[in-house]
């Protein structure tokens, strides 16, 4: 999970119909005994929003960091669910790209205290969570840096769930992403060996460095877990973007 810089709201979320819906949704939340629950007037899954996901979220699932060719392949997750806050269903700051499996495993209601928001500059998900891998890079682990920080604790539990599953079926379903992480980590370790062995100033040295920078980039898949590798921490921290 990395931090993202969210910018300009897509135009498809700014129509008069949507603005009117938000007003009526707020009124409903203020007093549901008097005001009728409004009906959503439009879909939020529009091309300009998905293009913004491609650009600002690098076509990555915000929870697993699995990278897709395009955000069209992912679900749109409501950071705070429609069940809890119907007035935020079209709110740009509440919409995030998410793999279908991770979206289905995320609870429909937020736990008490909520989660860390990767788009909130005051909630640094790259620092507040400690990312580690088992010796063979087979099992990712997520630990809150501060056990007192409820958002960090909740977020670490959610990341563990969507990466490792929580029962027999979900452990099988999440095995694909764990295998993808393991394969990429082995590729990085092999590339580090090539880079260290290559002669200074050689084509091989420059090529290996470029590939390592690409693998460890924020735009690449599984950034934080790959950066946690001991070999990366020892030799490649200066490659981080």
C-alpha atoms as a PDB file:
ATOM      1  CA  UNK A   1       0.000   0.000   0.000  1.00  0.00           C
ATOM      2  CA  UNK A   2       1.528   3.304  -1.080  1.00  0.00           C
ATOM      3  CA  UNK A   3       0.588   6.958  -0.711  1.00  0.00           C
ATOM      4  CA  UNK A   4      -1.217   8.548  -3.652  1.00  0.00           C
ATOM      5  CA  UNK A   5      -1.624  12.168  -4.705  1.00  0.00           C
ATOM      6  CA  UNK A   6      -5.225  12.660  -5.759  1.00  0.00           C
ATOM      7  CA  UNK A   7      -5.959  15.678  -7.977  1.00  0.00           C
ATOM      8  CA  UNK A   8      -8.833  17.203  -9.990  1.00  0.00           C
ATOM      9  CA  UNK A   9     -12.303  15.708  -9.716  1.00  0.00           C
ATOM     10  CA  UNK A  10     -13.557  13.984 -12.911  1.00  0.00           C
ATOM     11  CA  UNK A  11     -16.275  15.954 -14.701  1.00  0.00           C
ATOM     12  CA  UNK A  12     -18.628  12.969 -14.708  1.00  0.00           C
ATOM     13  CA  UNK A  13     -18.968  13.377 -10.928  1.00  0.00           C
ATOM     14  CA  UNK A  14     -19.976  17.029 -11.164  1.00  0.00           C
ATOM     15  CA  UNK A  15     -23.327  16.897 -12.972  1.00  0.00           C
ATOM     16  CA  UNK A  16     -26.370  18.774 -11.574  1.00  0.00           C
ATOM     17  CA  UNK A  17     -28.161  15.451 -11.023  1.00  0.00           C
ATOM     18  CA  UNK A  18     -25.330  14.164  -8.849  1.00  0.00           C
ATOM     19  CA  UNK A  19     -25.067  17.437  -6.912  1.00  0.00           C
ATOM     20  CA  UNK A  20     -28.804  17.311  -6.238  1.00  0.00           C
ATOM     21  CA  UNK A  21     -28.514  13.691  -5.095  1.00  0.00           C
ATOM     22  CA  UNK A  22     -25.774  14.631  -2.614  1.00  0.00           C
ATOM     23  CA  UNK A  23     -27.947  17.345  -1.087  1.00  0.00           C
ATOM     24  CA  UNK A  24     -30.882  14.942  -0.738  1.00  0.00           C
ATOM     25  CA  UNK A  25     -28.599  12.238   0.704  1.00  0.00           C
ATOM     26  CA  UNK A  26     -27.307  14.654   3.344  1.00  0.00           C
ATOM     27  CA  UNK A  27     -30.876  15.586   4.256  1.00  0.00           C
ATOM     28  CA  UNK A  28     -31.769  11.902   4.529  1.00  0.00           C
ATOM     29  CA  UNK A  29     -28.855  11.253   6.877  1.00  0.00           C
ATOM     30  CA  UNK A  30     -29.862  14.249   9.005  1.00  0.00           C
ATOM     31  CA  UNK A  31     -33.390  12.905   9.502  1.00  0.00           C
ATOM     32  CA  UNK A  32     -34.334   9.592   7.807  1.00  0.00           C
ATOM     33  CA  UNK A  33     -37.752   9.679   9.468  1.00  0.00           C
ATOM     34  CA  UNK A  34     -38.734  12.757   7.462  1.00  0.00           C
ATOM     35  CA  UNK A  35     -36.629  12.604   4.313  1.00  0.00           C
ATOM     36  CA  UNK A  36     -36.823   9.801   1.758  1.00  0.00           C
ATOM     37  CA  UNK A  37     -33.659   7.896   0.886  1.00  0.00           C
ATOM     38  CA  UNK A  38     -32.655   9.179  -2.578  1.00  0.00           C
ATOM     39  CA  UNK A  39     -32.056   6.954  -5.590  1.00  0.00           C
ATOM     40  CA  UNK A  40     -28.678   7.160  -7.298  1.00  0.00           C
ATOM     41  CA  UNK A  41     -29.178   9.110 -10.542  1.00  0.00           C
ATOM     42  CA  UNK A  42     -26.157   7.822 -12.478  1.00  0.00           C
ATOM     43  CA  UNK A  43     -23.255   5.408 -12.574  1.00  0.00           C
ATOM     44  CA  UNK A  44     -19.904   6.554 -11.179  1.00  0.00           C
ATOM     45  CA  UNK A  45     -17.982   4.068 -13.357  1.00  0.00           C
ATOM     46  CA  UNK A  46     -17.173   6.437 -16.207  1.00  0.00           C
ATOM     47  CA  UNK A  47     -14.235   6.694 -18.575  1.00  0.00           C
ATOM     48  CA  UNK A  48     -12.834   9.954 -17.176  1.00  0.00           C
ATOM     49  CA  UNK A  49     -12.819   8.527 -13.644  1.00  0.00           C
ATOM     50  CA  UNK A  50     -11.082   5.317 -14.743  1.00  0.00           C
ATOM     51  CA  UNK A  51      -8.568   7.320 -16.764  1.00  0.00           C
ATOM     52  CA  UNK A  52      -7.850   9.339 -13.626  1.00  0.00           C
ATOM     53  CA  UNK A  53      -7.274   6.056 -11.787  1.00  0.00           C
ATOM     54  CA  UNK A  54      -4.807   5.007 -14.503  1.00  0.00           C
ATOM     55  CA  UNK A  55      -2.872   8.251 -14.116  1.00  0.00           C
ATOM     56  CA  UNK A  56      -3.055   8.911 -10.388  1.00  0.00           C
ATOM     57  CA  UNK A  57      -3.145   5.341  -9.048  1.00  0.00           C
ATOM     58  CA  UNK A  58      -0.924   3.813 -11.769  1.00  0.00           C
ATOM     59  CA  UNK A  59      -3.628   1.202 -12.607  1.00  0.00           C
ATOM     60  CA  UNK A  60      -2.932  -0.458  -9.252  1.00  0.00           C
ATOM     61  CA  UNK A  61      -5.303  -1.884  -6.654  1.00  0.00           C
ATOM     62  CA  UNK A  62      -4.896   0.456  -3.703  1.00  0.00           C
ATOM     63  CA  UNK A  63      -5.000  -2.441  -1.211  1.00  0.00           C
ATOM     64  CA  UNK A  64      -2.844  -5.138  -2.796  1.00  0.00           C
ATOM     65  CA  UNK A  65      -0.775  -2.992  -5.195  1.00  0.00           C
ATOM     66  CA  UNK A  66      -1.454  -5.538  -7.906  1.00  0.00           C
ATOM     67  CA  UNK A  67      -0.988  -3.735 -11.220  1.00  0.00           C
ATOM     68  CA  UNK A  68      -3.422  -4.055 -14.121  1.00  0.00           C
ATOM     69  CA  UNK A  69      -3.134  -3.083 -17.757  1.00  0.00           C
ATOM     70  CA  UNK A  70      -5.975  -0.620 -17.182  1.00  0.00           C
ATOM     71  CA  UNK A  71      -8.237   0.397 -14.307  1.00  0.00           C
ATOM     72  CA  UNK A  72     -11.207  -0.857 -16.339  1.00  0.00           C
ATOM     73  CA  UNK A  73     -10.202  -4.325 -15.069  1.00  0.00           C
ATOM     74  CA  UNK A  74     -10.819  -3.349 -11.436  1.00  0.00           C
ATOM     75  CA  UNK A  75     -13.757  -2.544  -9.195  1.00  0.00           C
ATOM     76  CA  UNK A  76     -14.372   0.911  -7.759  1.00  0.00           C
ATOM     77  CA  UNK A  77     -14.273   0.750  -3.979  1.00  0.00           C
ATOM     78  CA  UNK A  78     -15.949   3.271  -1.703  1.00  0.00           C
ATOM     79  CA  UNK A  79     -13.433   3.984   1.050  1.00  0.00           C
ATOM     80  CA  UNK A  80     -16.424   4.662   3.295  1.00  0.00           C
ATOM     81  CA  UNK A  81     -19.185   2.373   2.084  1.00  0.00           C
ATOM     82  CA  UNK A  82     -22.516   3.445   0.600  1.00  0.00           C
ATOM     83  CA  UNK A  83     -24.178   1.654   3.508  1.00  0.00           C
ATOM     84  CA  UNK A  84     -22.503   4.026   5.957  1.00  0.00           C
ATOM     85  CA  UNK A  85     -22.452   7.247   3.941  1.00  0.00           C
ATOM     86  CA  UNK A  86     -24.756   7.356   0.893  1.00  0.00           C
ATOM     87  CA  UNK A  87     -23.875  11.023   0.469  1.00  0.00           C
ATOM     88  CA  UNK A  88     -20.284  10.002  -0.423  1.00  0.00           C
ATOM     89  CA  UNK A  89     -21.187   7.575  -3.214  1.00  0.00           C
ATOM     90  CA  UNK A  90     -20.072  10.100  -5.883  1.00  0.00           C
ATOM     91  CA  UNK A  91     -17.414  11.833  -3.803  1.00  0.00           C
ATOM     92  CA  UNK A  92     -14.095  11.721  -5.681  1.00  0.00           C
ATOM     93  CA  UNK A  93     -12.042  11.519  -2.481  1.00  0.00           C
ATOM     94  CA  UNK A  94     -14.054   8.432  -1.460  1.00  0.00           C
ATOM     95  CA  UNK A  95     -13.490   6.395  -4.642  1.00  0.00           C
ATOM     96  CA  UNK A  96     -10.514   4.061  -5.079  1.00  0.00           C
ATOM     97  CA  UNK A  97      -9.453   1.397  -7.635  1.00  0.00           C
ATOM     98  CA  UNK A  98      -9.595  -2.067  -6.117  1.00  0.00           C
ATOM     99  CA  UNK A  99      -9.237  -5.615  -7.411  1.00  0.00           C
ATOM    100  CA  UNK A 100     -12.514  -7.517  -7.406  1.00  0.00           C
ATOM    101  CA  UNK A 101     -11.323 -10.127  -4.906  1.00  0.00           C
ATOM    102  CA  UNK A 102      -9.965  -7.520  -2.471  1.00  0.00           C
ATOM    103  CA  UNK A 103     -13.138  -5.473  -2.811  1.00  0.00           C
ATOM    104  CA  UNK A 104     -15.280  -8.514  -1.992  1.00  0.00           C
ATOM    105  CA  UNK A 105     -13.171  -9.337   1.079  1.00  0.00           C
ATOM    106  CA  UNK A 106     -13.246  -5.816   2.484  1.00  0.00           C
ATOM    107  CA  UNK A 107     -16.051  -5.513   5.092  1.00  0.00           C
ATOM    108  CA  UNK A 108     -19.068  -3.453   4.032  1.00  0.00           C
ATOM    109  CA  UNK A 109     -18.799  -1.444   7.232  1.00  0.00           C
ATOM    110  CA  UNK A 110     -15.616   0.145   8.516  1.00  0.00           C
ATOM    111  CA  UNK A 111     -14.324  -1.034  11.893  1.00  0.00           C
ATOM    112  CA  UNK A 112     -14.390   1.371  14.809  1.00  0.00           C
ATOM    113  CA  UNK A 113     -11.688   3.942  14.190  1.00  0.00           C
ATOM    114  CA  UNK A 114     -11.614   3.342  10.424  1.00  0.00           C
ATOM    115  CA  UNK A 115      -8.683   2.722   8.094  1.00  0.00           C
ATOM    116  CA  UNK A 116      -5.660   4.714   6.975  1.00  0.00           C
ATOM    117  CA  UNK A 117      -6.444   6.682   3.818  1.00  0.00           C
ATOM    118  CA  UNK A 118      -3.605   6.400   1.258  1.00  0.00           C
ATOM    119  CA  UNK A 119      -4.702   9.729  -0.260  1.00  0.00           C
ATOM    120  CA  UNK A 120      -4.598  11.635   3.033  1.00  0.00           C
ATOM    121  CA  UNK A 121      -1.189  13.348   3.415  1.00  0.00           C
ATOM    122  CA  UNK A 122      -1.605  13.202   7.203  1.00  0.00           C
ATOM    123  CA  UNK A 123      -1.850   9.386   7.149  1.00  0.00           C
ATOM    124  CA  UNK A 124       1.399   7.999   5.744  1.00  0.00           C
ATOM    125  CA  UNK A 125       0.594   4.370   4.893  1.00  0.00           C
ATOM    126  CA  UNK A 126       4.195   3.766   3.850  1.00  0.00           C
ATOM    127  CA  UNK A 127       5.428   4.622   7.349  1.00  0.00           C
ATOM    128  CA  UNK A 128       2.538   3.646   9.605  1.00  0.00           C
ATOM    129  CA  UNK A 129       2.578   0.032   8.335  1.00  0.00           C
ATOM    130  CA  UNK A 130       5.679  -2.197   8.431  1.00  0.00           C
ATOM    131  CA  UNK A 131       5.801  -4.465   5.351  1.00  0.00           C
ATOM    132  CA  UNK A 132       7.732  -7.752   5.511  1.00  0.00           C
ATOM    133  CA  UNK A 133       7.979 -11.082   3.684  1.00  0.00           C
ATOM    134  CA  UNK A 134       8.830 -14.588   4.856  1.00  0.00           C
ATOM    135  CA  UNK A 135      12.275 -16.021   4.006  1.00  0.00           C
ATOM    136  CA  UNK A 136      11.113 -17.432   0.667  1.00  0.00           C
ATOM    137  CA  UNK A 137       8.846 -14.427  -0.035  1.00  0.00           C
ATOM    138  CA  UNK A 138       5.847 -16.720   0.217  1.00  0.00           C
ATOM    139  CA  UNK A 139       3.895 -14.921   2.942  1.00  0.00           C
ATOM    140  CA  UNK A 140       3.471 -11.148   3.166  1.00  0.00           C
ATOM    141  CA  UNK A 141       3.020  -9.614   6.596  1.00  0.00           C
ATOM    142  CA  UNK A 142       1.693  -6.229   7.710  1.00  0.00           C
ATOM    143  CA  UNK A 143       2.393  -4.815  11.166  1.00  0.00           C
ATOM    144  CA  UNK A 144       1.190  -1.509  12.596  1.00  0.00           C
ATOM    145  CA  UNK A 145       4.169   0.615  13.599  1.00  0.00           C
ATOM    146  CA  UNK A 146       2.186   1.923  16.558  1.00  0.00           C
ATOM    147  CA  UNK A 147      -0.262  -0.437  18.259  1.00  0.00           C
ATOM    148  CA  UNK A 148      -2.046   2.568  19.745  1.00  0.00           C
ATOM    149  CA  UNK A 149      -2.914   3.913  16.290  1.00  0.00           C
ATOM    150  CA  UNK A 150      -6.309   2.269  15.694  1.00  0.00           C
ATOM    151  CA  UNK A 151      -6.343   3.130  11.988  1.00  0.00           C
ATOM    152  CA  UNK A 152      -2.957   1.468  11.532  1.00  0.00           C
ATOM    153  CA  UNK A 153      -4.087  -1.647  13.401  1.00  0.00           C
ATOM    154  CA  UNK A 154      -7.285  -1.894  11.322  1.00  0.00           C
ATOM    155  CA  UNK A 155      -5.423  -1.306   8.067  1.00  0.00           C
ATOM    156  CA  UNK A 156      -2.791  -3.955   8.846  1.00  0.00           C
ATOM    157  CA  UNK A 157      -5.551  -6.487   9.556  1.00  0.00           C
ATOM    158  CA  UNK A 158      -7.312  -5.631   6.292  1.00  0.00           C
ATOM    159  CA  UNK A 159      -4.098  -5.932   4.266  1.00  0.00           C
ATOM    160  CA  UNK A 160      -3.396  -9.314   5.849  1.00  0.00           C
ATOM    161  CA  UNK A 161      -6.905 -10.455   4.955  1.00  0.00           C
ATOM    162  CA  UNK A 162      -6.783  -9.455   1.284  1.00  0.00           C
ATOM    163  CA  UNK A 163      -3.272 -10.890   0.804  1.00  0.00           C
ATOM    164  CA  UNK A 164      -3.457 -14.074   2.867  1.00  0.00           C
ATOM    165  CA  UNK A 165      -7.154 -14.829   3.218  1.00  0.00           C
ATOM    166  CA  UNK A 166      -9.055 -15.546   6.433  1.00  0.00           C
ATOM    167  CA  UNK A 167     -10.538 -19.010   5.814  1.00  0.00           C
ATOM    168  CA  UNK A 168      -9.921 -22.040   3.608  1.00  0.00           C
ATOM    169  CA  UNK A 169     -11.662 -20.648   0.506  1.00  0.00           C
ATOM    170  CA  UNK A 170     -10.130 -17.177   0.723  1.00  0.00           C
ATOM    171  CA  UNK A 171      -6.660 -18.613   1.346  1.00  0.00           C
ATOM    172  CA  UNK A 172      -7.005 -20.504  -1.930  1.00  0.00           C
ATOM    173  CA  UNK A 173      -8.421 -17.440  -3.710  1.00  0.00           C
ATOM    174  CA  UNK A 174      -5.522 -15.233  -2.568  1.00  0.00           C
ATOM    175  CA  UNK A 175      -2.818 -17.766  -3.462  1.00  0.00           C
ATOM    176  CA  UNK A 176      -2.468 -16.225  -6.930  1.00  0.00           C
ATOM    177  CA  UNK A 177      -1.437 -12.822  -5.611  1.00  0.00           C
ATOM    178  CA  UNK A 178       1.011 -14.357  -3.141  1.00  0.00           C
ATOM    179  CA  UNK A 179       2.585 -16.348  -5.968  1.00  0.00           C
ATOM    180  CA  UNK A 180       2.856 -13.196  -8.101  1.00  0.00           C
ATOM    181  CA  UNK A 181       4.593 -11.384  -5.222  1.00  0.00           C
ATOM    182  CA  UNK A 182       6.985 -14.298  -4.695  1.00  0.00           C
ATOM    183  CA  UNK A 183       7.903 -14.481  -8.394  1.00  0.00           C
ATOM    184  CA  UNK A 184       8.570 -10.755  -8.601  1.00  0.00           C
ATOM    185  CA  UNK A 185      10.741 -10.822  -5.469  1.00  0.00           C
ATOM    186  CA  UNK A 186      12.816 -13.687  -6.855  1.00  0.00           C
ATOM    187  CA  UNK A 187      13.224 -11.741 -10.105  1.00  0.00           C
ATOM    188  CA  UNK A 188      14.444  -8.698  -8.165  1.00  0.00           C
ATOM    189  CA  UNK A 189      16.961 -10.753  -6.183  1.00  0.00           C
ATOM    190  CA  UNK A 190      18.307 -12.298  -9.392  1.00  0.00           C
ATOM    191  CA  UNK A 191      18.567  -8.856 -10.966  1.00  0.00           C
ATOM    192  CA  UNK A 192      20.477  -7.539  -7.943  1.00  0.00           C
ATOM    193  CA  UNK A 193      23.017 -10.369  -8.381  1.00  0.00           C
ATOM    194  CA  UNK A 194      23.418  -9.415 -12.075  1.00  0.00           C
ATOM    195  CA  UNK A 195      23.811  -5.742 -11.189  1.00  0.00           C
ATOM    196  CA  UNK A 196      26.442  -6.393  -8.495  1.00  0.00           C
ATOM    197  CA  UNK A 197      28.389  -8.729 -10.790  1.00  0.00           C
ATOM    198  CA  UNK A 198      28.361  -6.404 -13.821  1.00  0.00           C
ATOM    199  CA  UNK A 199      31.410  -4.297 -14.605  1.00  0.00           C
ATOM    200  CA  UNK A 200      31.139  -0.620 -13.711  1.00  0.00           C
ATOM    201  CA  UNK A 201      30.213   1.495 -16.737  1.00  0.00           C
ATOM    202  CA  UNK A 202      29.135  -1.510 -18.791  1.00  0.00           C
ATOM    203  CA  UNK A 203      25.905  -1.875 -20.749  1.00  0.00           C
ATOM    204  CA  UNK A 204      24.966  -4.773 -18.453  1.00  0.00           C
ATOM    205  CA  UNK A 205      25.384  -2.585 -15.357  1.00  0.00           C
ATOM    206  CA  UNK A 206      23.179   0.190 -16.728  1.00  0.00           C
ATOM    207  CA  UNK A 207      20.541  -2.256 -17.966  1.00  0.00           C
ATOM    208  CA  UNK A 208      20.337  -4.078 -14.643  1.00  0.00           C
ATOM    209  CA  UNK A 209      20.062  -0.774 -12.787  1.00  0.00           C
ATOM    210  CA  UNK A 210      17.276   0.417 -15.035  1.00  0.00           C
ATOM    211  CA  UNK A 211      15.323  -2.799 -14.542  1.00  0.00           C
ATOM    212  CA  UNK A 212      15.768  -2.593 -10.775  1.00  0.00           C
ATOM    213  CA  UNK A 213      14.519   0.979 -10.736  1.00  0.00           C
ATOM    214  CA  UNK A 214      11.478  -0.129 -12.733  1.00  0.00           C
ATOM    215  CA  UNK A 215      10.754  -3.083 -10.433  1.00  0.00           C
ATOM    216  CA  UNK A 216      11.029  -0.912  -7.308  1.00  0.00           C
ATOM    217  CA  UNK A 217       9.149   2.090  -8.668  1.00  0.00           C
ATOM    218  CA  UNK A 218       5.972   3.379  -7.051  1.00  0.00           C
ATOM    219  CA  UNK A 219       4.261   2.776 -10.391  1.00  0.00           C
ATOM    220  CA  UNK A 220       5.162  -0.931 -10.358  1.00  0.00           C
ATOM    221  CA  UNK A 221       3.316  -3.791  -8.653  1.00  0.00           C
ATOM    222  CA  UNK A 222       3.785  -4.684  -4.975  1.00  0.00           C
ATOM    223  CA  UNK A 223       6.109  -1.723  -4.335  1.00  0.00           C
ATOM    224  CA  UNK A 224       6.217  -1.755  -0.546  1.00  0.00           C
ATOM    225  CA  UNK A 225       6.648  -5.513  -0.198  1.00  0.00           C
ATOM    226  CA  UNK A 226       9.399  -5.591  -2.830  1.00  0.00           C
ATOM    227  CA  UNK A 227      11.180  -2.690  -1.155  1.00  0.00           C
ATOM    228  CA  UNK A 228      11.126  -4.608   2.133  1.00  0.00           C
ATOM    229  CA  UNK A 229      13.424  -7.354   0.788  1.00  0.00           C
ATOM    230  CA  UNK A 230      16.694  -7.477   2.779  1.00  0.00           C
ATOM    231  CA  UNK A 231      18.778  -7.387  -0.413  1.00  0.00           C
ATOM    232  CA  UNK A 232      16.865  -4.334  -1.614  1.00  0.00           C
ATOM    233  CA  UNK A 233      17.260  -2.587   1.734  1.00  0.00           C
ATOM    234  CA  UNK A 234      21.005  -3.273   1.673  1.00  0.00           C
ATOM    235  CA  UNK A 235      21.841  -2.421  -1.922  1.00  0.00           C
ATOM    236  CA  UNK A 236      19.025  -0.574  -3.682  1.00  0.00           C
ATOM    237  CA  UNK A 237      17.409   2.036  -1.421  1.00  0.00           C
ATOM    238  CA  UNK A 238      18.946   4.781  -3.544  1.00  0.00           C
ATOM    239  CA  UNK A 239      16.899   3.487  -6.506  1.00  0.00           C
ATOM    240  CA  UNK A 240      13.559   4.366  -4.879  1.00  0.00           C
ATOM    241  CA  UNK A 241      11.555   7.082  -6.602  1.00  0.00           C
END
